[in-house]
């Protein structure tokens, strides 16, 4: 049966169908992302944004105003990444229009789409054509023209919007050269069209579309210097390294001043919200300045920083969205935030560590860590996740090991949010975290542990091996997607054709006659042969150095090294 209009329950169902559609199509949308490496986060970020929306909508009352408020608030608070922030503005714009009308019929939907397009454009400082902004605008225009021509059936209007949206999406490579180079369409626009599919399902019960097969070559090698992020924002990928996001409590009239400050600091700027609460996103080389601009007009919180040059997609290992099936329970907490604790005798100072990989987790637990937060690159836990971990522990003093330089700024916010005394040892990797734990004394104060553990972490030389996800140029010359990279604290040191080759070449850079111990943490992709090759190289070139090998099971990084 086809509905002539949607009420509060119909809109609630639409959000649920939209969530399910994004979960089903997550991998395909991820594959379309092209900035600045194919980090594949667009589908995941949009899907997680809808998880929060649906959680709030499910708890809302029966009135349309209550459902619309839940959509607006849930999308703002749950927005993940650039794509999630823009999507939140689209949903907030539509929710405001629908709340005023009290129902969804053709004229209301057309007006809501127009308001959504305007809200998204307003949130972006440097809009770019060929992105989700273009697709939403074209759909809104088609809806307005259809209503003017007398279309009065909701499903007919939706189908017309779908047709216009698909045509607009197919044109995005003509407007954005980076998409044409990668042979893909815009990821955000593809995600938005699933909203129209969700409306159609809510109106007449038709099935959601099945996702097409994932093309493993799509998007790879697409983004070089000067790329666009394909989320609607102009960007110079060669000039900005860090993605900074936070919520900002500020009076609405101060936001113009804030935007102007950010315009001087970076690009890919999106500022979404209103009524004193804003979700803010920027790509910048100045992390401190980006945060200080927020402090200048209000109170930033839930600060998240990601290194875009190192960011690669490895959500699959922890992602609860299984291929082909939307498993949406607790999805938002599983990616970059699952908190688990370890039982033990009471201690004066307990340790909380960020970890990824079952073997790494076991190592941390064996060294006395009492709470583990799942996280890492592209899976950065929030301040709230750290606070949850601290509150679960029966200790008056806590030491945090973020184990990723992107997570350090988040961890440093925790002391102000918790009753316990919280100190941060700014560990930038798993090997540093393990070294720090060698100096951990559960009977000492948090301040004493912070000092001793930080010194131990600095004393270890660290490195890691991972695989290039696109063609690019580097200080070491050309890199081809699939080659293996060796990195240390100074950056890229080695490019090789095998994981073991990168590992041994990196160890040649790290190990000298003054070292006594090399700790190897083997990842999920490290073969027994790779480990044997590393051990043989060390025995031949540094027979005096002891070798310890641990099974870490971490994804994407076959080797972590600690050299002491």
Protein backbone atom coordinates (compact mmCIF):
# COMPACT_ATOMS: atom_id res chain seq x y z
CA UNK A 1 0.00 0.00 0.00
CA UNK A 2 1.32 3.40 -0.98
CA UNK A 3 1.16 6.24 1.53
CA UNK A 4 -0.02 9.67 0.38
CA UNK A 5 2.00 11.31 3.10
CA UNK A 6 4.36 10.35 5.91
CA UNK A 7 3.74 11.18 9.54
CA UNK A 8 6.04 10.85 12.53
CA UNK A 9 6.21 7.05 12.36
CA UNK A 10 6.86 7.15 8.63
CA UNK A 11 9.73 9.58 9.12
CA UNK A 12 11.11 7.44 11.94
CA UNK A 13 10.97 4.40 9.64
CA UNK A 14 12.70 6.40 6.89
CA UNK A 15 15.68 7.05 9.16
CA UNK A 16 15.85 3.36 10.03
CA UNK A 17 15.76 2.35 6.36
CA UNK A 18 18.41 4.97 5.57
CA UNK A 19 20.63 3.50 8.28
CA UNK A 20 20.18 0.02 6.88
CA UNK A 21 20.87 1.18 3.33
CA UNK A 22 24.10 2.91 4.34
CA UNK A 23 25.21 -0.18 6.23
CA UNK A 24 24.53 -2.37 3.19
CA UNK A 25 26.36 -0.03 0.82
CA UNK A 26 29.15 1.01 3.17
CA UNK A 27 31.95 -0.88 1.42
CA UNK A 28 30.95 0.34 -2.04
CA UNK A 29 30.78 3.97 -0.87
CA UNK A 30 34.10 3.64 0.95
CA UNK A 31 35.73 2.48 -2.26
CA UNK A 32 34.76 5.74 -3.98
CA UNK A 33 36.64 7.97 -1.56
CA UNK A 34 39.74 9.52 -3.14
CA UNK A 35 41.27 12.08 -0.71
CA UNK A 36 44.25 12.23 -0.13
CA UNK A 37 44.69 8.48 -0.18
CA UNK A 38 41.82 6.04 -0.61
CA UNK A 39 41.14 5.92 3.11
CA UNK A 40 37.63 4.68 2.44
CA UNK A 41 35.87 6.38 5.31
CA UNK A 42 32.91 8.11 3.62
CA UNK A 43 30.49 5.19 3.80
CA UNK A 44 31.55 4.30 7.32
CA UNK A 45 31.22 7.87 8.57
CA UNK A 46 27.79 8.33 7.01
CA UNK A 47 26.62 4.98 8.37
CA UNK A 48 27.82 5.77 11.89
CA UNK A 49 26.17 9.18 11.76
CA UNK A 50 22.84 7.46 11.04
CA UNK A 51 23.42 5.03 13.90
CA UNK A 52 23.28 7.96 16.31
CA UNK A 53 20.28 9.46 14.51
CA UNK A 54 18.31 6.22 14.76
CA UNK A 55 19.25 5.78 18.41
CA UNK A 56 17.78 9.20 19.23
CA UNK A 57 14.77 8.80 16.95
CA UNK A 58 13.92 5.46 18.55
CA UNK A 59 13.74 7.16 21.94
CA UNK A 60 11.72 10.15 20.69
CA UNK A 61 8.02 10.66 21.31
CA UNK A 62 5.15 10.19 18.88
CA UNK A 63 4.88 13.80 17.70
CA UNK A 64 6.50 14.95 14.48
CA UNK A 65 8.30 17.78 16.27
CA UNK A 66 9.90 15.28 18.66
CA UNK A 67 11.07 12.99 15.84
CA UNK A 68 12.47 15.94 13.88
CA UNK A 69 14.29 17.24 16.95
CA UNK A 70 15.83 13.80 17.44
CA UNK A 71 16.98 13.73 13.81
CA UNK A 72 18.49 17.18 14.12
CA UNK A 73 20.24 16.61 17.44
CA UNK A 74 21.31 13.03 16.69
CA UNK A 75 22.85 13.94 13.34
CA UNK A 76 24.79 16.85 14.84
CA UNK A 77 26.16 14.89 17.80
CA UNK A 78 26.78 11.70 15.84
CA UNK A 79 28.45 13.21 12.78
CA UNK A 80 31.70 11.41 11.90
CA UNK A 81 34.21 12.99 9.57
CA UNK A 82 33.68 15.57 6.88
CA UNK A 83 31.02 13.53 5.10
CA UNK A 84 29.11 12.95 8.32
CA UNK A 85 29.09 16.66 9.18
CA UNK A 86 27.72 17.61 5.75
CA UNK A 87 25.12 14.85 5.99
CA UNK A 88 24.11 16.17 9.40
CA UNK A 89 23.37 19.58 7.89
CA UNK A 90 21.29 17.99 5.14
CA UNK A 91 19.23 16.07 7.69
CA UNK A 92 18.92 19.07 10.00
CA UNK A 93 17.71 21.25 7.14
CA UNK A 94 15.09 18.71 6.14
CA UNK A 95 14.03 18.09 9.74
CA UNK A 96 13.44 21.79 10.36
CA UNK A 97 11.20 22.05 7.31
CA UNK A 98 9.23 18.91 8.13
CA UNK A 99 8.78 19.88 11.79
CA UNK A 100 7.12 23.11 10.72
CA UNK A 101 4.73 21.31 8.35
CA UNK A 102 3.99 18.36 10.65
CA UNK A 103 3.97 15.81 7.80
CA UNK A 104 5.74 14.86 4.56
CA UNK A 105 3.88 15.26 1.26
CA UNK A 106 5.19 16.39 -2.15
CA UNK A 107 5.29 20.16 -1.43
CA UNK A 108 6.82 19.58 2.02
CA UNK A 109 9.45 17.18 0.69
CA UNK A 110 10.39 19.60 -2.07
CA UNK A 111 10.72 22.42 0.44
CA UNK A 112 12.69 20.20 2.82
CA UNK A 113 15.16 19.26 0.09
CA UNK A 114 15.61 22.92 -0.84
CA UNK A 115 16.28 23.79 2.80
CA UNK A 116 18.66 20.83 3.12
CA UNK A 117 20.65 21.99 0.11
CA UNK A 118 20.91 25.52 1.46
CA UNK A 119 21.99 24.28 4.89
CA UNK A 120 24.72 22.08 3.42
CA UNK A 121 26.04 24.89 1.20
CA UNK A 122 26.08 27.26 4.17
CA UNK A 123 28.10 24.84 6.29
CA UNK A 124 30.93 24.55 3.76
CA UNK A 125 33.39 27.42 3.48
CA UNK A 126 34.64 26.53 -0.02
CA UNK A 127 31.95 24.52 -1.84
CA UNK A 128 33.07 22.42 -4.81
CA UNK A 129 30.86 21.25 -7.65
CA UNK A 130 30.78 17.55 -8.43
CA UNK A 131 30.21 16.57 -4.81
CA UNK A 132 27.29 15.75 -2.55
CA UNK A 133 26.39 19.46 -2.57
CA UNK A 134 25.75 19.30 -6.32
CA UNK A 135 23.69 16.12 -6.07
CA UNK A 136 21.48 17.47 -3.28
CA UNK A 137 20.98 20.76 -5.13
CA UNK A 138 20.00 18.98 -8.37
CA UNK A 139 17.56 16.74 -6.52
CA UNK A 140 16.01 19.74 -4.75
CA UNK A 141 15.63 21.57 -8.07
CA UNK A 142 13.97 18.56 -9.68
CA UNK A 143 11.57 18.24 -6.74
CA UNK A 144 10.58 21.91 -6.90
CA UNK A 145 9.96 21.72 -10.66
CA UNK A 146 7.86 18.57 -10.27
CA UNK A 147 5.63 20.18 -7.65
CA UNK A 148 5.23 23.28 -9.82
CA UNK A 149 4.12 21.00 -12.66
CA UNK A 150 1.40 19.49 -10.47
CA UNK A 151 2.92 16.25 -9.15
CA UNK A 152 0.82 15.41 -6.08
CA UNK A 153 1.70 11.77 -5.39
CA UNK A 154 4.57 11.31 -2.95
CA UNK A 155 5.98 8.17 -4.58
CA UNK A 156 5.91 9.82 -8.02
CA UNK A 157 7.87 12.76 -6.65
CA UNK A 158 10.39 10.46 -4.95
CA UNK A 159 10.93 8.46 -8.11
CA UNK A 160 11.50 11.67 -10.06
CA UNK A 161 14.04 12.76 -7.44
CA UNK A 162 15.79 9.39 -7.71
CA UNK A 163 16.07 9.75 -11.47
CA UNK A 164 17.43 13.29 -11.19
CA UNK A 165 19.81 12.24 -8.43
CA UNK A 166 21.26 9.34 -10.40
CA UNK A 167 21.80 11.59 -13.42
CA UNK A 168 23.49 14.20 -11.22
CA UNK A 169 25.72 11.59 -9.62
CA UNK A 170 26.80 10.28 -13.03
CA UNK A 171 27.81 13.83 -13.99
CA UNK A 172 30.05 14.37 -10.95
CA UNK A 173 33.23 13.14 -12.71
CA UNK A 174 32.64 15.79 -15.40
CA UNK A 175 32.68 18.48 -12.71
CA UNK A 176 35.48 17.12 -10.53
CA UNK A 177 38.58 15.92 -12.44
CA UNK A 178 39.85 13.82 -9.54
CA UNK A 179 36.74 11.64 -9.80
CA UNK A 180 37.26 11.19 -13.52
CA UNK A 181 40.90 10.27 -12.94
CA UNK A 182 39.86 7.61 -10.44
CA UNK A 183 36.95 6.45 -12.61
CA UNK A 184 34.47 6.88 -9.78
CA UNK A 185 31.47 9.03 -8.90
CA UNK A 186 31.21 11.12 -5.75
CA UNK A 187 31.05 9.03 -2.58
CA UNK A 188 28.96 11.47 -0.56
CA UNK A 189 26.47 11.92 -3.38
CA UNK A 190 26.10 8.15 -3.67
CA UNK A 191 25.39 7.97 0.05
CA UNK A 192 22.78 10.72 -0.11
CA UNK A 193 20.81 8.97 -2.85
CA UNK A 194 20.23 6.11 -0.43
CA UNK A 195 18.08 8.54 1.56
CA UNK A 196 15.69 8.72 -1.40
CA UNK A 197 15.66 4.92 -1.55
CA UNK A 198 14.77 4.89 2.15
CA UNK A 199 11.88 7.32 1.58
CA UNK A 200 10.56 5.11 -1.23
CA UNK A 201 10.72 2.07 1.04
CA UNK A 202 8.83 3.92 3.77
CA UNK A 203 6.18 5.09 1.28
CA UNK A 204 5.30 1.84 -0.49
CA UNK A 205 7.35 -0.93 1.15
CA UNK A 206 9.66 -1.67 -1.77
CA UNK A 207 12.96 -3.34 -1.00
CA UNK A 208 16.14 -1.35 -0.56
CA UNK A 209 18.51 -1.66 -3.53
CA UNK A 210 21.25 -4.26 -3.32
CA UNK A 211 24.79 -2.86 -3.38
CA UNK A 212 26.81 -3.43 -6.55
CA UNK A 213 30.01 -5.50 -6.31
CA UNK A 214 33.00 -3.68 -4.80
CA UNK A 215 35.58 -2.78 -7.45
CA UNK A 216 38.97 -3.34 -5.77
CA UNK A 217 40.68 -0.94 -8.23
CA UNK A 218 38.29 1.98 -7.90
CA UNK A 219 39.76 5.13 -6.45
CA UNK A 220 43.32 3.80 -6.11
CA UNK A 221 45.91 6.28 -7.31
CA UNK A 222 43.36 9.00 -7.82
CA UNK A 223 44.47 11.73 -5.52
CA UNK A 224 47.73 13.53 -5.99
CA UNK A 225 48.72 16.98 -4.82
CA UNK A 226 45.91 19.45 -5.30
CA UNK A 227 43.16 16.83 -4.99
CA UNK A 228 39.63 17.42 -3.77
CA UNK A 229 38.26 15.50 -0.87
CA UNK A 230 35.08 14.58 -2.77
CA UNK A 231 32.93 15.57 0.18
CA UNK A 232 32.01 19.00 -1.11
CA UNK A 233 35.01 21.01 0.03
CA UNK A 234 37.90 22.43 -1.95
CA UNK A 235 41.28 21.28 -0.71
CA UNK A 236 44.97 21.28 -1.50
CA UNK A 237 46.07 17.85 -0.35
CA UNK A 238 49.70 18.79 -0.70
CA UNK A 239 49.41 21.58 1.85
CA UNK A 240 47.26 20.36 4.73
CA UNK A 241 48.12 17.31 6.78
CA UNK A 242 45.76 17.14 9.76
CA UNK A 243 42.01 16.76 10.09
CA UNK A 244 40.78 18.54 13.22
CA UNK A 245 37.22 18.08 14.45
CA UNK A 246 35.43 19.17 17.59
CA UNK A 247 32.12 20.28 18.98
CA UNK A 248 31.96 23.97 19.83
CA UNK A 249 29.70 25.64 22.35
CA UNK A 250 29.51 29.24 21.17
CA UNK A 251 26.96 31.98 20.66
CA UNK A 252 25.65 31.94 17.10
CA UNK A 253 26.78 35.50 16.34
CA UNK A 254 30.42 34.53 17.06
CA UNK A 255 30.53 31.84 14.36
CA UNK A 256 31.33 34.31 11.57
CA UNK A 257 34.40 35.39 13.52
CA UNK A 258 35.34 31.74 14.06
CA UNK A 259 34.97 30.90 10.36
CA UNK A 260 37.19 33.84 9.43
CA UNK A 261 39.88 32.61 11.80
CA UNK A 262 39.71 29.12 10.33
CA UNK A 263 39.82 30.46 6.76
CA UNK A 264 43.34 31.68 7.53
CA UNK A 265 44.39 28.30 8.99
CA UNK A 266 43.32 25.66 6.50
CA UNK A 267 40.71 24.31 4.12
CA UNK A 268 37.98 21.65 3.89
CA UNK A 269 36.17 23.77 6.47
CA UNK A 270 32.70 22.65 7.53
CA UNK A 271 30.89 24.31 10.44
CA UNK A 272 27.43 22.88 11.09
CA UNK A 273 24.90 23.48 13.83
CA UNK A 274 23.14 26.33 15.56
CA UNK A 275 21.49 27.39 18.81
CA UNK A 276 24.82 27.48 20.58
CA UNK A 277 26.21 24.07 19.50
CA UNK A 278 28.36 23.53 16.40
CA UNK A 279 30.14 20.56 14.81
CA UNK A 280 33.39 21.83 13.29
CA UNK A 281 35.79 20.26 10.76
CA UNK A 282 38.99 21.59 9.16
CA UNK A 283 42.09 20.32 7.34
CA UNK A 284 45.08 22.29 8.61
CA UNK A 285 48.77 22.09 9.45
CA UNK A 286 48.15 24.10 12.62
CA UNK A 287 46.40 21.84 15.13
CA UNK A 288 46.89 24.20 18.06
CA UNK A 289 45.73 27.26 16.15
CA UNK A 290 42.64 25.43 14.91
CA UNK A 291 41.65 24.56 18.48
CA UNK A 292 42.59 27.99 19.85
CA UNK A 293 40.27 29.62 17.31
CA UNK A 294 37.43 27.70 18.94
CA UNK A 295 38.57 28.72 22.41
CA UNK A 296 38.52 32.32 21.22
CA UNK A 297 34.76 32.25 20.67
CA UNK A 298 33.53 29.52 23.01
CA UNK A 299 34.28 26.07 24.39
CA UNK A 300 35.53 23.30 22.08
CA UNK A 301 35.14 19.73 23.32
CA UNK A 302 35.42 16.14 22.04
CA UNK A 303 38.50 17.17 20.05
CA UNK A 304 39.66 14.66 17.41
CA UNK A 305 42.82 14.92 15.31
CA UNK A 306 43.77 12.63 12.40
CA UNK A 307 46.98 12.60 10.34
CA UNK A 308 45.63 12.47 6.78
CA UNK A 309 48.96 11.51 5.25
CA UNK A 310 49.11 8.32 7.29
CA UNK A 311 45.41 7.55 7.39
CA UNK A 312 44.45 4.25 5.72
CA UNK A 313 41.30 2.22 5.83
CA UNK A 314 41.39 -0.59 8.39
CA UNK A 315 37.93 -0.33 9.87
CA UNK A 316 36.97 -3.76 8.56
CA UNK A 317 38.88 -5.60 11.28
CA UNK A 318 36.76 -4.04 14.01
CA UNK A 319 33.73 -2.90 12.03
CA UNK A 320 30.47 -4.58 13.10
CA UNK A 321 28.92 -3.88 9.68
CA UNK A 322 29.52 -7.26 8.08
CA UNK A 323 29.52 -7.40 4.27
CA UNK A 324 26.00 -7.68 2.98
CA UNK A 325 24.22 -7.37 6.31
CA UNK A 326 23.52 -4.37 8.53
CA UNK A 327 24.42 -5.30 12.08
CA UNK A 328 23.78 -1.98 13.68
CA UNK A 329 23.80 -2.79 17.38
CA UNK A 330 26.54 -0.83 19.15
CA UNK A 331 28.26 0.01 15.86
CA UNK A 332 29.36 3.45 16.92
CA UNK A 333 31.04 2.14 20.05
CA UNK A 334 32.83 -0.72 18.28
CA UNK A 335 34.82 1.49 15.95
CA UNK A 336 37.32 3.52 17.88
CA UNK A 337 35.77 3.14 21.29
CA UNK A 338 35.00 -0.33 22.63
CA UNK A 339 36.03 -0.31 26.30
CA UNK A 340 36.89 -3.49 28.20
CA UNK A 341 38.38 -3.92 31.65
CA UNK A 342 40.60 -6.52 33.33
CA UNK A 343 39.93 -7.79 36.83
CA UNK A 344 42.68 -7.54 39.41
CA UNK A 345 43.70 -6.48 42.91
CA UNK A 346 43.17 -2.80 43.79
CA UNK A 347 46.07 -0.56 42.79
CA UNK A 348 46.95 3.03 43.54
CA UNK A 349 47.46 3.90 39.86
CA UNK A 350 45.78 1.99 37.05
CA UNK A 351 46.62 2.11 33.34
CA UNK A 352 44.25 2.59 30.41
CA UNK A 353 45.69 1.80 26.95
CA UNK A 354 44.44 2.16 23.40
CA UNK A 355 45.03 -1.03 21.42
CA UNK A 356 44.15 -2.86 18.23
CA UNK A 357 44.78 -6.57 17.67
CA UNK A 358 44.07 -9.49 20.00
CA UNK A 359 47.76 -10.24 20.56
CA UNK A 360 48.61 -6.64 21.40
CA UNK A 361 45.74 -6.63 23.85
CA UNK A 362 47.09 -9.73 25.58
CA UNK A 363 50.52 -8.13 25.85
CA UNK A 364 49.09 -5.04 27.47
CA UNK A 365 47.01 -7.07 29.89
CA UNK A 366 50.04 -9.16 30.87
CA UNK A 367 51.91 -5.97 31.73
CA UNK A 368 49.21 -4.71 34.08
CA UNK A 369 46.87 -2.63 31.90
CA UNK A 370 43.43 -2.58 33.53
CA UNK A 371 41.32 -1.10 30.71
CA UNK A 372 41.66 -1.41 26.93
CA UNK A 373 40.04 0.95 24.43
CA UNK A 374 39.84 -0.37 20.86
CA UNK A 375 41.25 2.20 18.48
CA UNK A 376 43.94 3.35 16.11
CA UNK A 377 44.24 5.01 12.71
CA UNK A 378 40.77 6.05 11.42
CA UNK A 379 39.31 4.53 14.59
CA UNK A 380 40.15 7.28 17.01
CA UNK A 381 38.29 6.95 20.32
CA UNK A 382 36.73 10.06 21.77
CA UNK A 383 37.29 11.73 25.11
CA UNK A 384 34.02 10.16 26.22
CA UNK A 385 35.46 6.68 25.63
CA UNK A 386 38.46 7.46 27.83
CA UNK A 387 36.17 8.83 30.53
CA UNK A 388 34.10 5.64 30.38
CA UNK A 389 37.25 3.56 30.86
CA UNK A 390 38.43 5.71 33.78
CA UNK A 391 35.06 5.53 35.49
CA UNK A 392 34.99 1.73 35.27
CA UNK A 393 38.25 1.37 37.17
CA UNK A 394 38.48 1.25 40.95
CA UNK A 395 41.47 3.58 41.19
CA UNK A 396 41.91 7.17 42.32
CA UNK A 397 44.76 7.76 39.89
CA UNK A 398 45.01 6.76 36.24
CA UNK A 399 47.67 6.80 33.53
CA UNK A 400 46.56 6.85 29.89
CA UNK A 401 48.55 5.37 27.00
CA UNK A 402 47.02 6.69 23.74
CA UNK A 403 49.55 4.77 21.56
CA UNK A 404 48.84 6.94 18.53
CA UNK A 405 49.85 10.56 18.06
CA UNK A 406 46.39 11.41 16.70
CA UNK A 407 44.81 10.26 19.97
CA UNK A 408 47.16 12.10 22.34
CA UNK A 409 45.19 15.42 22.17
CA UNK A 410 41.97 13.54 22.99
CA UNK A 411 43.53 11.77 25.97
CA UNK A 412 44.80 15.07 27.33
CA UNK A 413 41.21 16.30 27.76
CA UNK A 414 40.27 13.49 30.14
CA UNK A 415 41.65 14.88 33.40
CA UNK A 416 39.21 17.79 33.22
CA UNK A 417 36.29 15.39 32.67
CA UNK A 418 36.94 12.77 35.35
CA UNK A 419 36.93 12.72 39.14
CA UNK A 420 40.10 10.62 39.29
CA UNK A 421 43.55 12.13 38.81
CA UNK A 422 44.44 11.37 35.20
CA UNK A 423 47.86 11.70 33.58
CA UNK A 424 48.84 11.04 29.96
CA UNK A 425 52.04 9.41 28.74
CA UNK A 426 52.03 10.65 25.11
CA UNK A 427 52.92 7.34 23.46
CA UNK A 428 52.76 7.53 19.67
CA UNK A 429 52.67 3.82 18.90
CA UNK A 430 52.24 0.34 20.31
CA UNK A 431 55.98 -0.21 20.76
CA UNK A 432 56.24 2.97 22.84
CA UNK A 433 53.28 1.84 24.91
CA UNK A 434 54.95 -1.49 25.68
CA UNK A 435 58.22 0.25 26.57
CA UNK A 436 56.37 2.63 28.88
CA UNK A 437 54.77 -0.28 30.71
CA UNK A 438 58.21 -1.62 31.59
CA UNK A 439 58.49 1.35 33.96
CA UNK A 440 54.95 1.12 35.37
CA UNK A 441 54.64 0.85 39.16
CA UNK A 442 51.03 0.26 40.32
CA UNK A 443 51.92 1.42 43.86
CA UNK A 444 53.37 4.77 42.71
CA UNK A 445 51.41 7.94 42.05
CA UNK A 446 50.11 8.88 38.64
CA UNK A 447 52.62 11.74 38.46
CA UNK A 448 55.51 9.43 39.32
CA UNK A 449 54.38 6.89 36.76
CA UNK A 450 53.88 9.55 34.11
CA UNK A 451 57.47 10.72 34.48
CA UNK A 452 59.06 7.27 34.55
CA UNK A 453 56.90 5.81 31.79
CA UNK A 454 57.39 8.78 29.47
CA UNK A 455 61.16 8.48 29.87
CA UNK A 456 61.01 4.76 29.08
CA UNK A 457 58.91 5.39 25.98
CA UNK A 458 61.33 8.01 24.68
CA UNK A 459 64.31 5.71 25.20
CA UNK A 460 63.03 3.12 22.72
CA UNK A 461 63.52 3.57 18.96
CA UNK A 462 60.36 2.57 17.14
CA UNK A 463 59.31 1.71 13.61
CA UNK A 464 56.52 0.11 11.66
CA UNK A 465 55.85 -1.47 8.28
CA UNK A 466 52.70 -0.97 6.24
CA UNK A 467 51.60 -1.08 2.60
CA UNK A 468 51.10 1.84 0.21
CA UNK A 469 47.46 2.23 -0.81
CA UNK A 470 48.03 4.48 -3.83
CA UNK A 471 50.66 5.73 -6.27
CA UNK A 472 52.38 8.88 -5.06
CA UNK A 473 55.63 10.81 -4.92
CA UNK A 474 57.72 10.96 -1.75
CA UNK A 475 61.06 12.18 -0.51
CA UNK A 476 62.37 8.72 -1.44
CA UNK A 477 61.01 8.90 -4.99
CA UNK A 478 57.97 7.36 -6.65
CA UNK A 479 55.81 4.94 -4.68
CA UNK A 480 53.50 2.45 -6.37
CA UNK A 481 50.35 1.17 -4.70
CA UNK A 482 51.11 -2.19 -3.11
CA UNK A 483 54.72 -1.46 -2.23
CA UNK A 484 55.78 -1.80 1.40
CA UNK A 485 56.80 1.17 3.50
CA UNK A 486 59.04 1.39 6.57
CA UNK A 487 58.44 4.35 8.88
CA UNK A 488 59.95 5.63 12.09
CA UNK A 489 59.42 8.76 14.19
CA UNK A 490 61.01 10.88 11.49
CA UNK A 491 58.67 9.63 8.78
CA UNK A 492 59.11 7.47 5.70
CA UNK A 493 62.50 5.71 5.65
CA UNK A 494 62.12 2.69 3.36
CA UNK A 495 60.23 1.64 0.23
CA UNK A 496 60.42 -2.06 -0.69
CA UNK A 497 58.65 -4.74 -2.72
CA UNK A 498 57.95 -7.09 0.20
CA UNK A 499 56.96 -6.76 3.83
CA UNK A 500 60.08 -8.60 4.96
CA UNK A 501 62.25 -6.44 2.70
CA UNK A 502 60.81 -3.27 4.20
CA UNK A 503 61.22 -4.71 7.69
CA UNK A 504 64.89 -5.60 7.33
CA UNK A 505 65.72 -2.33 5.56
CA UNK A 506 64.00 -0.41 8.34
CA UNK A 507 65.88 -2.34 11.01
CA UNK A 508 69.10 -1.41 9.22
CA UNK A 509 68.13 2.22 9.85
CA UNK A 510 67.10 1.65 13.47
CA UNK A 511 69.62 -0.80 14.95
CA UNK A 512 73.24 0.02 15.74
CA UNK A 513 76.01 -1.42 17.91
CA UNK A 514 74.69 0.30 21.02
CA UNK A 515 71.41 -1.59 21.06
CA UNK A 516 70.71 -4.75 23.05
CA UNK A 517 67.13 -5.81 22.27
CA UNK A 518 64.77 -5.73 19.28
CA UNK A 519 61.11 -6.41 20.02
CA UNK A 520 59.04 -7.50 17.02
CA UNK A 521 55.24 -7.37 17.16
CA UNK A 522 54.00 -9.39 14.21
CA UNK A 523 50.69 -8.34 12.68
CA UNK A 524 47.87 -10.34 11.18
CA UNK A 525 49.45 -10.11 7.71
CA UNK A 526 52.97 -11.16 8.73
CA UNK A 527 53.76 -14.68 7.54
CA UNK A 528 56.01 -17.12 9.36
CA UNK A 529 58.47 -16.74 6.49
CA UNK A 530 58.49 -12.95 6.94
CA UNK A 531 59.29 -13.32 10.64
CA UNK A 532 62.01 -15.87 9.94
CA UNK A 533 63.59 -13.53 7.37
CA UNK A 534 63.66 -10.71 9.93
CA UNK A 535 65.21 -13.01 12.55
CA UNK A 536 67.83 -14.26 10.10
CA UNK A 537 68.78 -10.73 9.06
CA UNK A 538 69.23 -9.64 12.68
CA UNK A 539 71.31 -12.75 13.51
CA UNK A 540 73.59 -12.06 10.55
CA UNK A 541 74.03 -8.30 10.95
CA UNK A 542 73.67 -7.86 14.73
CA UNK A 543 74.32 -11.22 16.43
CA UNK A 544 74.91 -9.44 19.74
CA UNK A 545 71.32 -8.08 19.79
CA UNK A 546 68.61 -10.17 21.44
CA UNK A 547 65.34 -10.72 19.56
CA UNK A 548 61.85 -11.01 21.07
CA UNK A 549 58.89 -11.82 18.80
CA UNK A 550 55.29 -11.35 19.89
CA UNK A 551 52.12 -12.13 17.96
CA UNK A 552 50.16 -8.88 17.89
CA UNK A 553 47.48 -9.69 15.27
CA UNK A 554 47.17 -5.99 14.42
CA UNK A 555 45.67 -5.24 10.98
CA UNK A 556 47.52 -3.52 8.11
CA UNK A 557 50.83 -3.25 9.95
CA UNK A 558 52.68 -6.58 9.62
CA UNK A 559 55.49 -5.32 11.85
CA UNK A 560 55.89 -2.98 14.81
CA UNK A 561 59.46 -2.64 16.11
CA UNK A 562 60.89 -1.47 19.40
CA UNK A 563 64.68 -1.16 19.64
CA UNK A 564 66.40 -0.70 23.00
